[in-house]
N, C-alpha and C. Protein backbone atom coordinates (compact mmCIF):
# COMPACT_ATOMS: atom_id res chain seq x y z
N MET A 1 19.40 -11.63 2.34
CA MET A 1 20.49 -12.09 1.84
C MET A 1 19.28 -12.62 0.48
N ARG A 2 18.53 -13.12 1.10
CA ARG A 2 17.36 -13.22 -0.71
C ARG A 2 16.73 -12.40 -0.56
N ALA A 3 16.21 -11.33 0.24
CA ALA A 3 15.57 -10.66 -0.78
C ALA A 3 16.96 -8.69 -0.99
N ASN A 4 18.15 -9.51 -1.31
CA ASN A 4 19.12 -8.42 -1.52
C ASN A 4 18.74 -8.99 -3.41
N SER A 5 19.08 -10.36 -3.32
CA SER A 5 18.68 -10.82 -4.61
C SER A 5 17.60 -10.89 -5.26
N ARG A 6 16.45 -10.71 -4.35
CA ARG A 6 14.88 -10.09 -5.03
C ARG A 6 15.12 -8.65 -5.66
N SER A 7 16.05 -7.99 -4.78
CA SER A 7 16.18 -6.67 -5.63
C SER A 7 16.99 -6.01 -6.55
N ILE A 8 18.12 -7.14 -6.71
CA ILE A 8 18.80 -6.55 -7.14
C ILE A 8 18.40 -7.34 -8.84
N ARG A 9 17.19 -8.14 -8.61
CA ARG A 9 16.35 -9.51 -9.73
C ARG A 9 15.72 -8.27 -10.66
N VAL A 10 14.78 -7.30 -9.54
CA VAL A 10 13.88 -6.47 -10.19
C VAL A 10 14.75 -4.83 -10.79
N VAL A 11 15.68 -4.52 -10.18
CA VAL A 11 16.68 -3.41 -10.42
C VAL A 11 17.18 -3.96 -12.07
N ALA A 12 17.59 -5.12 -12.15
CA ALA A 12 17.97 -5.28 -13.31
C ALA A 12 16.75 -5.29 -14.36
N LEU A 13 15.56 -5.67 -14.10
CA LEU A 13 14.28 -6.19 -14.89
C LEU A 13 14.42 -4.99 -15.75
N PHE A 14 14.24 -3.63 -14.32
CA PHE A 14 13.81 -2.25 -14.78
C PHE A 14 14.18 -1.95 -15.62
N LEU A 15 16.58 -1.90 -15.30
CA LEU A 15 17.03 -1.68 -16.17
C LEU A 15 17.07 -1.90 -17.59
N LEU A 16 16.69 -3.26 -18.15
CA LEU A 16 16.42 -4.28 -19.01
C LEU A 16 14.91 -3.48 -19.95
N THR A 17 14.45 -2.93 -19.00
CA THR A 17 13.17 -2.73 -20.10
C THR A 17 13.12 -1.32 -20.32
N LEU A 18 13.99 -0.17 -19.02
CA LEU A 18 14.29 0.92 -19.61
C LEU A 18 15.31 0.97 -21.02
N ALA A 19 15.97 0.04 -21.52
CA ALA A 19 16.85 -0.10 -22.14
C ALA A 19 15.97 -0.64 -23.32
N ALA A 20 15.09 -1.91 -23.56
CA ALA A 20 14.36 -1.83 -24.70
C ALA A 20 13.64 -0.53 -25.51
N THR A 21 13.11 0.06 -23.87
CA THR A 21 11.87 1.29 -24.53
C THR A 21 13.35 2.25 -24.78
N ALA A 22 14.24 2.22 -25.06
CA ALA A 22 14.84 3.36 -25.45
C ALA A 22 15.60 2.44 -26.75
N THR A 23 15.42 1.87 -27.12
CA THR A 23 15.82 0.92 -28.12
C THR A 23 14.93 1.27 -29.24
N LEU A 24 13.76 1.06 -28.48
CA LEU A 24 12.50 0.86 -29.56
C LEU A 24 12.21 2.26 -30.30
N ALA A 25 12.39 3.32 -29.19
CA ALA A 25 11.92 4.09 -29.53
C ALA A 25 13.03 4.88 -30.40
N ASN A 26 14.48 4.79 -30.25
CA ASN A 26 15.20 4.96 -31.48
C ASN A 26 15.19 4.61 -32.58
N ALA A 27 14.54 3.60 -32.98
CA ALA A 27 14.33 3.11 -34.25
C ALA A 27 12.86 2.89 -34.77
N GLN A 28 11.99 3.97 -34.23
CA GLN A 28 10.57 4.70 -34.87
C GLN A 28 10.85 5.88 -35.64
N THR A 29 10.41 5.78 -36.51
CA THR A 29 10.18 6.90 -37.19
C THR A 29 8.37 7.54 -37.75
N VAL A 30 8.34 8.84 -37.27
CA VAL A 30 6.86 8.78 -37.19
C VAL A 30 6.94 9.98 -38.34
N SER A 31 5.46 9.73 -39.46
CA SER A 31 5.44 10.76 -39.51
C SER A 31 4.10 12.15 -39.67
N VAL A 32 4.72 12.97 -40.21
CA VAL A 32 4.00 14.25 -39.64
C VAL A 32 3.68 15.38 -41.42
N TRP A 33 2.42 15.12 -40.72
CA TRP A 33 1.29 16.04 -41.28
C TRP A 33 0.64 17.65 -40.80
N LEU A 34 0.59 18.45 -41.92
CA LEU A 34 0.47 19.99 -41.35
C LEU A 34 -0.64 20.25 -41.70
N THR A 35 -1.44 21.37 -40.31
CA THR A 35 -2.43 22.14 -40.91
C THR A 35 -1.54 23.36 -40.08
N THR A 36 -2.32 24.63 -41.03
CA THR A 36 -1.52 25.65 -40.16
C THR A 36 -2.93 26.90 -40.17
N ASP A 37 -2.67 27.79 -39.51
CA ASP A 37 -4.13 28.31 -38.56
C ASP A 37 -4.49 29.00 -39.99
N ASN A 38 -3.58 29.58 -40.42
CA ASN A 38 -4.09 30.38 -41.87
C ASN A 38 -4.54 29.16 -42.75
N GLN A 39 -4.57 28.41 -42.73
CA GLN A 39 -5.02 27.51 -43.85
C GLN A 39 -4.46 27.51 -45.00
N ARG A 40 -3.18 28.00 -45.25
CA ARG A 40 -2.58 28.31 -46.50
C ARG A 40 -1.52 26.33 -46.63
N THR A 41 -1.46 25.80 -45.19
CA THR A 41 -1.21 24.67 -45.56
C THR A 41 -2.05 23.88 -45.13
N LYS A 42 -2.67 22.58 -45.56
CA LYS A 42 -4.13 21.44 -45.30
C LYS A 42 -3.24 20.27 -45.59
N LEU A 43 -2.89 19.41 -44.64
CA LEU A 43 -2.67 18.39 -44.34
C LEU A 43 -2.08 17.83 -45.51
N GLN A 44 -0.72 18.72 -45.27
CA GLN A 44 0.22 18.79 -46.66
C GLN A 44 1.68 17.52 -45.63
N GLN A 45 1.96 17.01 -46.31
CA GLN A 45 3.06 15.61 -45.76
C GLN A 45 4.42 16.55 -45.65
N GLN A 46 4.81 16.32 -44.24
CA GLN A 46 6.10 16.98 -43.79
C GLN A 46 7.44 16.06 -44.22
N ALA A 47 8.54 16.14 -44.18
CA ALA A 47 9.26 15.56 -43.66
C ALA A 47 9.24 14.26 -42.72
N SER A 48 9.70 13.08 -42.30
CA SER A 48 9.17 12.57 -41.51
C SER A 48 10.68 12.98 -40.72
N VAL A 49 10.33 12.51 -38.96
CA VAL A 49 11.13 12.72 -37.78
C VAL A 49 11.58 11.10 -37.29
N THR A 50 12.39 11.03 -37.23
CA THR A 50 13.30 9.44 -36.86
C THR A 50 13.93 9.64 -35.38
N PHE A 51 13.68 8.80 -34.40
CA PHE A 51 13.76 9.81 -33.00
C PHE A 51 15.25 8.62 -32.64
N SER A 52 16.34 9.50 -32.27
CA SER A 52 17.34 8.74 -31.83
C SER A 52 17.68 9.13 -30.25
N ILE A 53 18.97 8.46 -29.79
CA ILE A 53 18.69 8.59 -28.44
C ILE A 53 19.73 9.62 -27.80
N GLY A 54 18.98 11.07 -27.26
CA GLY A 54 19.80 12.09 -26.64
C GLY A 54 20.90 11.65 -25.41
N SER A 55 21.62 12.71 -25.56
CA SER A 55 22.80 13.09 -24.56
C SER A 55 22.17 13.44 -23.56
N GLY A 56 20.85 13.39 -23.32
CA GLY A 56 19.96 14.46 -22.04
C GLY A 56 20.58 15.94 -21.47
N GLY A 57 21.52 16.62 -22.55
CA GLY A 57 21.35 17.98 -22.53
C GLY A 57 22.13 18.18 -21.05
N SER A 58 22.96 19.17 -20.89
CA SER A 58 22.63 19.98 -19.79
C SER A 58 22.15 20.50 -18.32
N ASN A 59 20.35 20.06 -18.84
CA ASN A 59 19.56 20.59 -17.78
C ASN A 59 18.81 19.51 -17.42
N PRO A 60 19.53 18.80 -16.29
CA PRO A 60 19.15 18.13 -15.73
C PRO A 60 17.62 18.20 -15.02
N VAL A 61 16.80 16.87 -14.65
CA VAL A 61 15.31 17.35 -13.96
C VAL A 61 15.34 16.82 -12.84
N PHE A 62 15.45 17.32 -11.65
CA PHE A 62 15.58 16.67 -10.32
C PHE A 62 13.81 16.76 -9.68
N VAL A 63 14.15 15.68 -9.58
CA VAL A 63 12.26 15.25 -8.53
C VAL A 63 12.39 14.72 -7.16
N ASP A 64 11.88 15.86 -6.04
CA ASP A 64 11.92 16.05 -4.99
C ASP A 64 10.43 15.68 -4.32
N GLU A 65 10.06 14.17 -3.88
CA GLU A 65 9.22 14.24 -3.54
C GLU A 65 8.67 14.42 -2.22
N THR A 66 9.48 14.76 -1.47
CA THR A 66 9.23 15.49 -0.26
C THR A 66 9.37 17.12 -0.25
N GLN A 67 8.97 17.42 -1.55
CA GLN A 67 8.26 19.31 -1.78
C GLN A 67 7.24 19.30 -1.83
N ALA A 68 6.34 19.71 -1.14
CA ALA A 68 5.23 20.04 -1.89
C ALA A 68 4.55 21.18 -2.43
N TYR A 69 4.38 21.33 -3.41
CA TYR A 69 3.71 23.03 -3.90
C TYR A 69 2.53 23.01 -3.68
N GLN A 70 1.85 23.85 -4.91
CA GLN A 70 0.87 23.85 -4.80
C GLN A 70 -1.01 22.49 -5.40
N GLN A 71 -1.67 22.12 -4.67
CA GLN A 71 -2.74 21.19 -5.35
C GLN A 71 -3.27 21.65 -6.64
N ILE A 72 -2.85 20.28 -7.08
CA ILE A 72 -3.96 20.19 -8.50
C ILE A 72 -5.37 19.98 -8.42
N GLU A 73 -6.00 21.01 -8.85
CA GLU A 73 -7.66 20.78 -9.03
C GLU A 73 -8.08 19.82 -9.93
N GLY A 74 -7.31 18.90 -11.11
CA GLY A 74 -8.29 17.83 -11.53
C GLY A 74 -6.80 18.57 -13.08
N PHE A 75 -7.71 17.43 -13.48
CA PHE A 75 -7.00 16.97 -14.84
C PHE A 75 -7.97 17.09 -16.72
N GLY A 76 -8.57 17.59 -17.15
CA GLY A 76 -9.72 17.60 -18.38
C GLY A 76 -9.21 18.29 -19.71
N ALA A 77 -10.57 18.43 -19.95
CA ALA A 77 -10.37 19.54 -21.60
C ALA A 77 -11.86 20.08 -21.50
N SER A 78 -12.62 20.49 -22.55
CA SER A 78 -13.83 21.52 -22.23
C SER A 78 -14.60 21.31 -23.66
N PHE A 79 -15.91 21.20 -23.43
CA PHE A 79 -17.25 20.86 -24.59
C PHE A 79 -16.72 22.29 -25.14
N THR A 80 -16.23 22.71 -26.61
CA THR A 80 -16.87 23.64 -26.89
C THR A 80 -17.77 23.46 -27.48
N ASP A 81 -17.85 24.40 -28.16
CA ASP A 81 -19.07 24.04 -29.38
C ASP A 81 -19.03 22.96 -30.33
N SER A 82 -17.70 23.25 -31.11
CA SER A 82 -17.40 22.08 -31.89
C SER A 82 -17.54 20.78 -31.94
N ALA A 83 -16.89 20.97 -30.13
CA ALA A 83 -16.65 19.20 -30.07
C ALA A 83 -18.07 18.98 -29.16
N ALA A 84 -18.84 19.26 -28.48
CA ALA A 84 -20.14 19.41 -28.68
C ALA A 84 -21.29 18.75 -29.38
N TYR A 85 -20.99 19.41 -30.27
CA TYR A 85 -21.43 19.56 -31.74
C TYR A 85 -21.56 18.01 -32.41
N LEU A 86 -20.10 18.20 -32.64
CA LEU A 86 -19.48 16.76 -33.22
C LEU A 86 -20.12 15.42 -32.49
N LEU A 87 -20.00 15.58 -30.91
CA LEU A 87 -20.12 14.29 -30.06
C LEU A 87 -21.73 14.05 -29.63
N ASN A 88 -22.51 15.52 -29.62
CA ASN A 88 -24.01 15.06 -29.82
C ASN A 88 -25.17 14.65 -30.53
N GLN A 89 -24.81 15.96 -32.33
CA GLN A 89 -25.37 15.53 -33.33
C GLN A 89 -24.55 14.38 -33.81
N VAL A 90 -23.28 14.02 -34.12
CA VAL A 90 -22.82 13.70 -35.31
C VAL A 90 -22.47 11.98 -35.19
N ALA A 91 -21.54 12.05 -34.26
CA ALA A 91 -21.40 10.66 -33.50
C ALA A 91 -23.01 10.28 -33.51
N THR A 92 -22.30 8.89 -33.76
CA THR A 92 -23.97 7.80 -32.99
C THR A 92 -24.27 7.68 -31.67
N PRO A 93 -25.20 7.70 -31.59
CA PRO A 93 -25.14 7.03 -29.88
C PRO A 93 -24.85 5.97 -29.16
N SER A 94 -23.85 5.38 -29.70
CA SER A 94 -23.41 4.25 -28.92
C SER A 94 -21.97 4.73 -29.29
N ALA A 95 -21.71 5.24 -30.30
CA ALA A 95 -19.68 5.74 -30.12
C ALA A 95 -19.51 7.08 -29.23
N ARG A 96 -20.77 8.03 -29.20
CA ARG A 96 -21.79 8.61 -27.66
C ARG A 96 -21.15 8.47 -26.21
N ILE A 97 -21.87 7.27 -26.02
CA ILE A 97 -21.89 6.51 -24.76
C ILE A 97 -20.60 6.06 -24.60
N ALA A 98 -19.87 5.23 -25.41
CA ALA A 98 -18.49 4.57 -25.65
C ALA A 98 -17.44 5.75 -25.09
N THR A 99 -17.56 6.86 -25.70
CA THR A 99 -16.22 8.12 -25.88
C THR A 99 -17.31 8.60 -24.33
N MET A 100 -17.80 9.12 -23.80
CA MET A 100 -18.34 9.84 -22.25
C MET A 100 -17.61 8.55 -21.47
N ASN A 101 -18.39 6.98 -21.58
CA ASN A 101 -17.36 6.51 -20.62
C ASN A 101 -15.94 6.62 -20.59
N ASP A 102 -15.46 6.71 -21.82
CA ASP A 102 -13.86 6.60 -21.78
C ASP A 102 -13.30 7.63 -21.39
N LEU A 103 -13.89 9.03 -21.25
CA LEU A 103 -13.36 10.56 -20.39
C LEU A 103 -13.78 10.50 -19.40
N PHE A 104 -14.77 10.33 -18.99
CA PHE A 104 -15.76 10.54 -17.63
C PHE A 104 -15.65 9.33 -16.33
N THR A 105 -15.51 8.38 -16.86
CA THR A 105 -15.24 7.45 -16.25
C THR A 105 -13.77 6.71 -15.64
N ARG A 106 -13.33 5.55 -14.64
CA ARG A 106 -12.31 4.64 -14.43
C ARG A 106 -12.61 3.01 -15.19
N ASN A 107 -13.83 3.04 -15.89
CA ASN A 107 -14.11 2.18 -16.18
C ASN A 107 -13.30 1.21 -17.39
N GLY A 108 -12.91 0.50 -17.55
CA GLY A 108 -11.92 -0.39 -18.76
C GLY A 108 -10.54 0.45 -18.79
N GLY A 109 -11.00 1.16 -19.88
CA GLY A 109 -9.75 2.26 -19.88
C GLY A 109 -10.37 3.68 -19.67
N GLY A 110 -11.16 3.85 -19.33
CA GLY A 110 -11.31 4.98 -19.08
C GLY A 110 -10.22 6.30 -18.43
N ILE A 111 -10.56 7.43 -18.71
CA ILE A 111 -9.36 8.02 -17.95
C ILE A 111 -9.42 9.50 -16.95
N GLY A 112 -11.01 9.06 -16.53
CA GLY A 112 -11.66 9.80 -15.37
C GLY A 112 -11.03 11.12 -15.77
N VAL A 113 -11.49 12.30 -16.32
CA VAL A 113 -11.74 13.34 -16.86
C VAL A 113 -11.78 14.09 -15.13
N SER A 114 -11.54 14.95 -14.75
CA SER A 114 -12.26 15.27 -13.57
C SER A 114 -11.96 17.03 -13.23
N PHE A 115 -12.18 17.55 -15.19
CA PHE A 115 -12.21 19.13 -14.93
C PHE A 115 -12.57 19.54 -15.73
N VAL A 116 -13.24 20.32 -16.42
CA VAL A 116 -13.57 20.80 -17.51
C VAL A 116 -13.54 22.65 -17.33
N ARG A 117 -13.12 23.33 -18.13
CA ARG A 117 -13.03 24.90 -18.44
C ARG A 117 -13.92 24.87 -19.74
N ASN A 118 -15.03 25.53 -19.02
CA ASN A 118 -15.98 25.11 -20.47
C ASN A 118 -16.41 26.48 -20.50
N PRO A 119 -16.35 27.42 -22.45
CA PRO A 119 -16.07 28.47 -22.59
C PRO A 119 -17.69 29.28 -22.47
N MET A 120 -17.79 30.68 -22.04
CA MET A 120 -19.31 31.33 -21.91
C MET A 120 -19.07 31.47 -22.99
N GLY A 121 -20.31 31.26 -24.05
CA GLY A 121 -20.31 31.77 -25.69
C GLY A 121 -19.09 30.62 -26.38
N ALA A 122 -19.22 31.51 -27.14
CA ALA A 122 -17.49 31.03 -28.21
C ALA A 122 -16.70 31.27 -28.28
N SER A 123 -15.40 29.63 -28.80
CA SER A 123 -13.99 29.99 -28.33
C SER A 123 -13.25 29.83 -29.79
N ASP A 124 -12.06 29.88 -29.94
CA ASP A 124 -11.38 29.45 -31.01
C ASP A 124 -11.78 28.46 -31.91
N LEU A 125 -12.35 27.34 -30.77
CA LEU A 125 -12.74 26.01 -31.42
C LEU A 125 -14.52 26.04 -31.55
N ALA A 126 -15.04 27.00 -32.23
CA ALA A 126 -16.49 27.14 -32.38
C ALA A 126 -16.38 27.60 -34.02
N ARG A 127 -18.15 27.06 -34.08
CA ARG A 127 -17.90 26.93 -35.48
C ARG A 127 -18.28 28.32 -35.55
N PHE A 128 -18.94 29.32 -35.31
CA PHE A 128 -19.28 30.56 -35.53
C PHE A 128 -19.84 31.72 -34.17
N HIS A 129 -19.21 32.93 -34.23
CA HIS A 129 -19.29 33.66 -33.50
C HIS A 129 -20.34 33.62 -32.89
N TYR A 130 -20.28 33.98 -31.36
CA TYR A 130 -21.62 34.43 -30.24
C TYR A 130 -21.12 34.15 -28.69
N SER A 131 -21.74 35.33 -28.54
CA SER A 131 -21.69 35.53 -26.78
C SER A 131 -23.74 34.91 -26.55
N TYR A 132 -23.32 35.22 -25.16
CA TYR A 132 -24.95 34.60 -24.45
C TYR A 132 -25.66 36.23 -24.65
N ASP A 133 -25.27 37.18 -25.26
CA ASP A 133 -26.26 38.91 -25.52
C ASP A 133 -25.56 39.40 -26.31
N ASP A 134 -25.89 38.44 -27.86
CA ASP A 134 -25.76 39.74 -29.25
C ASP A 134 -26.89 39.82 -28.91
N LEU A 135 -26.59 41.41 -30.09
CA LEU A 135 -27.11 42.54 -30.39
C LEU A 135 -26.72 42.61 -31.94
N PRO A 136 -27.29 43.37 -32.29
CA PRO A 136 -26.92 44.14 -33.90
C PRO A 136 -26.09 45.11 -33.39
N PRO A 137 -25.16 45.69 -34.57
CA PRO A 137 -24.55 46.78 -34.15
C PRO A 137 -24.62 48.22 -33.65
N GLY A 138 -24.02 48.93 -33.08
CA GLY A 138 -24.94 49.50 -32.40
C GLY A 138 -24.98 49.65 -31.07
N GLN A 139 -26.35 49.14 -30.79
CA GLN A 139 -26.90 48.18 -29.69
C GLN A 139 -26.41 47.40 -28.19
N THR A 140 -27.08 48.36 -26.91
CA THR A 140 -26.48 47.70 -26.19
C THR A 140 -27.25 47.08 -25.11
N ASP A 141 -26.64 46.15 -24.07
CA ASP A 141 -28.22 45.82 -23.19
C ASP A 141 -27.71 45.44 -21.83
N PRO A 142 -27.00 46.76 -21.03
CA PRO A 142 -26.84 46.20 -19.78
C PRO A 142 -27.10 45.95 -18.77
N ALA A 143 -28.51 45.66 -18.90
CA ALA A 143 -29.22 45.32 -17.74
C ALA A 143 -29.42 43.66 -18.51
N LEU A 144 -28.59 43.28 -19.62
CA LEU A 144 -28.95 41.55 -20.32
C LEU A 144 -30.51 41.23 -19.99
N THR A 145 -31.19 41.97 -20.91
CA THR A 145 -32.62 41.99 -20.47
C THR A 145 -32.65 40.46 -21.87
N PHE A 146 -31.32 40.51 -22.94
CA PHE A 146 -31.65 39.39 -23.79
C PHE A 146 -30.73 38.58 -23.46
N PHE A 147 -30.24 38.61 -22.51
CA PHE A 147 -28.98 37.01 -22.22
C PHE A 147 -29.84 36.05 -21.99
N SER A 148 -29.51 35.34 -22.89
CA SER A 148 -29.87 33.86 -23.57
C SER A 148 -28.51 32.54 -23.52
N ILE A 149 -28.86 31.76 -22.48
CA ILE A 149 -27.92 30.13 -22.88
C ILE A 149 -28.87 29.58 -23.74
N ALA A 150 -29.22 29.49 -24.71
CA ALA A 150 -30.60 28.80 -25.81
C ALA A 150 -29.17 27.99 -26.37
N HIS A 151 -28.08 28.62 -26.87
CA HIS A 151 -27.26 28.21 -27.69
C HIS A 151 -26.71 26.63 -26.92
N ASP A 152 -26.21 26.98 -25.88
CA ASP A 152 -25.53 25.63 -24.99
C ASP A 152 -26.51 24.49 -24.63
N GLN A 153 -28.05 25.03 -24.71
CA GLN A 153 -29.30 23.94 -24.21
C GLN A 153 -29.16 22.80 -25.33
N ALA A 154 -28.37 23.19 -26.66
CA ALA A 154 -28.90 21.76 -27.64
C ALA A 154 -27.48 21.31 -27.43
N ASP A 155 -26.33 21.33 -27.17
CA ASP A 155 -25.23 20.42 -26.98
C ASP A 155 -24.29 20.25 -26.04
N ILE A 156 -23.90 21.53 -25.40
CA ILE A 156 -23.00 21.78 -24.54
C ILE A 156 -23.55 21.24 -23.28
N ILE A 157 -24.78 21.86 -22.32
CA ILE A 157 -24.92 21.34 -21.05
C ILE A 157 -25.29 20.24 -21.32
N PRO A 158 -26.13 19.59 -21.97
CA PRO A 158 -26.85 18.17 -21.96
C PRO A 158 -25.54 17.34 -21.37
N LEU A 159 -24.16 17.12 -22.33
CA LEU A 159 -23.62 16.23 -22.42
C LEU A 159 -22.35 16.75 -20.69
N ILE A 160 -22.53 18.35 -20.25
CA ILE A 160 -21.78 18.67 -19.18
C ILE A 160 -23.34 18.00 -18.30
N GLN A 161 -24.06 17.63 -18.15
CA GLN A 161 -24.75 17.19 -17.30
C GLN A 161 -24.25 15.69 -17.43
N GLN A 162 -24.55 14.95 -18.30
CA GLN A 162 -24.19 13.64 -18.56
C GLN A 162 -22.70 13.45 -17.85
N ALA A 163 -21.31 14.57 -18.26
CA ALA A 163 -20.74 14.01 -17.39
C ALA A 163 -20.53 13.64 -16.38
N ARG A 164 -21.03 14.88 -15.39
CA ARG A 164 -21.24 14.76 -13.85
C ARG A 164 -21.76 13.78 -13.33
N GLN A 165 -23.15 12.70 -14.11
CA GLN A 165 -23.38 12.35 -13.42
C GLN A 165 -22.20 10.83 -13.73
N LEU A 166 -21.73 10.47 -14.73
CA LEU A 166 -20.69 9.86 -14.63
C LEU A 166 -19.24 10.40 -13.69
N ASN A 167 -19.24 10.94 -13.44
CA ASN A 167 -18.23 11.40 -12.49
C ASN A 167 -19.04 12.92 -10.94
N PRO A 168 -19.35 12.23 -10.34
CA PRO A 168 -19.77 12.96 -9.48
C PRO A 168 -19.08 14.12 -8.49
N GLN A 169 -17.86 13.88 -8.96
CA GLN A 169 -16.59 14.37 -8.68
C GLN A 169 -15.78 15.83 -9.41
N LEU A 170 -16.65 15.67 -11.10
CA LEU A 170 -16.06 16.58 -11.85
C LEU A 170 -16.30 17.94 -11.65
N ARG A 171 -14.99 18.98 -11.78
CA ARG A 171 -14.81 20.46 -11.53
C ARG A 171 -15.69 20.71 -12.72
N VAL A 172 -16.38 21.75 -12.77
CA VAL A 172 -16.40 22.71 -14.13
C VAL A 172 -16.32 24.02 -14.20
N MET A 173 -15.47 24.97 -14.71
CA MET A 173 -15.06 26.39 -14.71
C MET A 173 -16.04 27.04 -15.42
N ALA A 174 -16.23 28.03 -15.24
CA ALA A 174 -16.92 28.23 -17.02
C ALA A 174 -16.17 30.05 -16.77
N THR A 175 -15.76 30.16 -18.57
CA THR A 175 -14.76 31.15 -18.90
C THR A 175 -15.52 31.71 -20.39
N PRO A 176 -14.99 32.95 -20.31
CA PRO A 176 -15.80 33.75 -21.44
C PRO A 176 -14.33 33.25 -21.95
N TRP A 177 -14.20 33.44 -24.05
CA TRP A 177 -13.53 33.59 -23.83
C TRP A 177 -13.29 35.67 -25.26
N SER A 178 -14.24 36.48 -24.72
CA SER A 178 -15.05 37.19 -24.91
C SER A 178 -15.86 37.75 -24.13
N PRO A 179 -15.82 38.98 -23.70
CA PRO A 179 -17.62 39.86 -23.62
C PRO A 179 -18.39 40.05 -24.56
N PRO A 180 -19.26 40.12 -24.72
CA PRO A 180 -20.29 40.66 -25.83
C PRO A 180 -19.55 41.79 -26.76
N GLY A 181 -19.79 41.55 -27.40
CA GLY A 181 -18.97 43.12 -28.32
C GLY A 181 -19.16 44.00 -27.99
N TRP A 182 -20.40 44.03 -27.64
CA TRP A 182 -20.83 45.85 -27.63
C TRP A 182 -20.67 46.50 -25.79
N MET A 183 -20.44 45.29 -25.04
CA MET A 183 -18.93 45.71 -23.60
C MET A 183 -17.91 46.31 -24.31
N LYS A 184 -17.21 46.28 -25.28
CA LYS A 184 -16.32 45.96 -25.86
C LYS A 184 -15.92 47.26 -26.88
N THR A 185 -14.51 48.09 -26.93
CA THR A 185 -13.94 49.01 -27.30
C THR A 185 -14.31 48.55 -29.13
N SER A 186 -13.66 47.72 -29.07
CA SER A 186 -14.46 47.11 -30.76
C SER A 186 -15.49 46.56 -31.26
N GLY A 187 -16.10 46.57 -30.37
CA GLY A 187 -17.65 46.28 -30.39
C GLY A 187 -18.09 45.07 -31.27
N SER A 188 -17.12 44.19 -30.97
CA SER A 188 -16.76 42.74 -32.09
C SER A 188 -16.64 42.28 -30.63
N LEU A 189 -16.96 40.63 -30.86
CA LEU A 189 -16.32 39.68 -29.87
C LEU A 189 -14.47 39.37 -30.45
N ILE A 190 -14.33 40.16 -31.61
CA ILE A 190 -12.67 40.06 -32.03
C ILE A 190 -11.95 40.93 -31.61
N GLY A 191 -10.81 41.01 -31.30
CA GLY A 191 -10.55 42.19 -30.83
C GLY A 191 -10.74 43.16 -29.67
N GLY A 192 -10.20 44.29 -29.17
CA GLY A 192 -10.50 45.96 -28.26
C GLY A 192 -10.60 45.07 -26.92
N ALA A 193 -11.06 46.17 -26.15
CA ALA A 193 -11.20 45.79 -24.78
C ALA A 193 -11.98 45.67 -23.95
N LEU A 194 -12.35 45.53 -22.22
CA LEU A 194 -13.59 46.19 -22.31
C LEU A 194 -14.08 47.37 -21.83
N LEU A 195 -14.78 48.04 -21.68
CA LEU A 195 -15.24 49.15 -21.68
C LEU A 195 -15.30 49.44 -19.97
N PRO A 196 -15.14 50.49 -19.44
CA PRO A 196 -14.98 50.37 -17.81
C PRO A 196 -16.24 50.58 -17.24
N SER A 197 -17.26 51.32 -18.21
CA SER A 197 -18.49 51.16 -18.12
C SER A 197 -19.43 50.08 -17.67
N MET A 198 -18.87 49.01 -18.47
CA MET A 198 -19.39 47.98 -18.51
C MET A 198 -19.24 46.83 -17.73
N PHE A 199 -17.99 47.17 -17.43
CA PHE A 199 -17.88 46.73 -15.44
C PHE A 199 -18.60 45.45 -14.69
N THR A 200 -19.39 46.30 -14.48
CA THR A 200 -20.69 45.78 -13.80
C THR A 200 -21.63 45.12 -14.63
N PRO A 201 -22.25 45.50 -15.85
CA PRO A 201 -22.82 44.52 -16.72
C PRO A 201 -21.93 42.96 -17.00
N PHE A 202 -20.72 43.28 -16.93
CA PHE A 202 -19.71 41.98 -17.59
C PHE A 202 -19.98 41.11 -15.75
N ALA A 203 -20.05 41.38 -15.29
CA ALA A 203 -19.88 40.91 -13.54
C ALA A 203 -21.42 40.27 -13.72
N ASN A 204 -22.49 41.18 -14.08
CA ASN A 204 -23.76 40.57 -13.71
C ASN A 204 -23.63 39.42 -14.93
N TYR A 205 -23.00 39.51 -16.36
CA TYR A 205 -23.15 38.24 -17.31
C TYR A 205 -22.71 37.21 -16.31
N PHE A 206 -21.68 37.11 -15.51
CA PHE A 206 -20.97 35.63 -14.90
C PHE A 206 -21.82 35.06 -14.04
N VAL A 207 -22.68 36.32 -13.17
CA VAL A 207 -23.45 35.93 -12.27
C VAL A 207 -24.81 35.54 -12.64
N LYS A 208 -25.69 35.36 -13.91
CA LYS A 208 -26.13 35.06 -14.76
C LYS A 208 -26.23 33.63 -14.82
């Protein structure tokens, strides 16, 4: 009977917590600021949004803890060109150390990032367009003679190495946002598709 009373108290406390949380969320008003990708709108304040208690809708979510699907490799982000530049060159050394610890360890409030999907060359969050084998228009390099990761050696690679020291279990996946322009039908990093004649050079691009 004593165990049942304790269970009832725990359930009651849980329900009270849920009710308090719902009441708190219901009272919150959030300020909204908008920036669009075409830069026609830059940090313009929009109408505020006020939370309210919803009805739950007609699409309930069922969670079955006994049913297993695929294994998750990890949770994380990416050292893009812009992020690495800001963290490695703009942030103060103390801020960089604190940020890396918060990201890649479980110390204090660290979130323990365990997976990094890193661009091979520029992504949509880079300061400028680049690949690991850029050439003037009209030139090609199937043998990858001019292949170079020099750009990433300045900021990105040192941060990845530091992240792996902080979290030895960190997994890194390298992914190009685009092949070098000379491998594509557009002759540019923007638009186009990989030329069939460049399948082998692009495969070697990964191996390099």
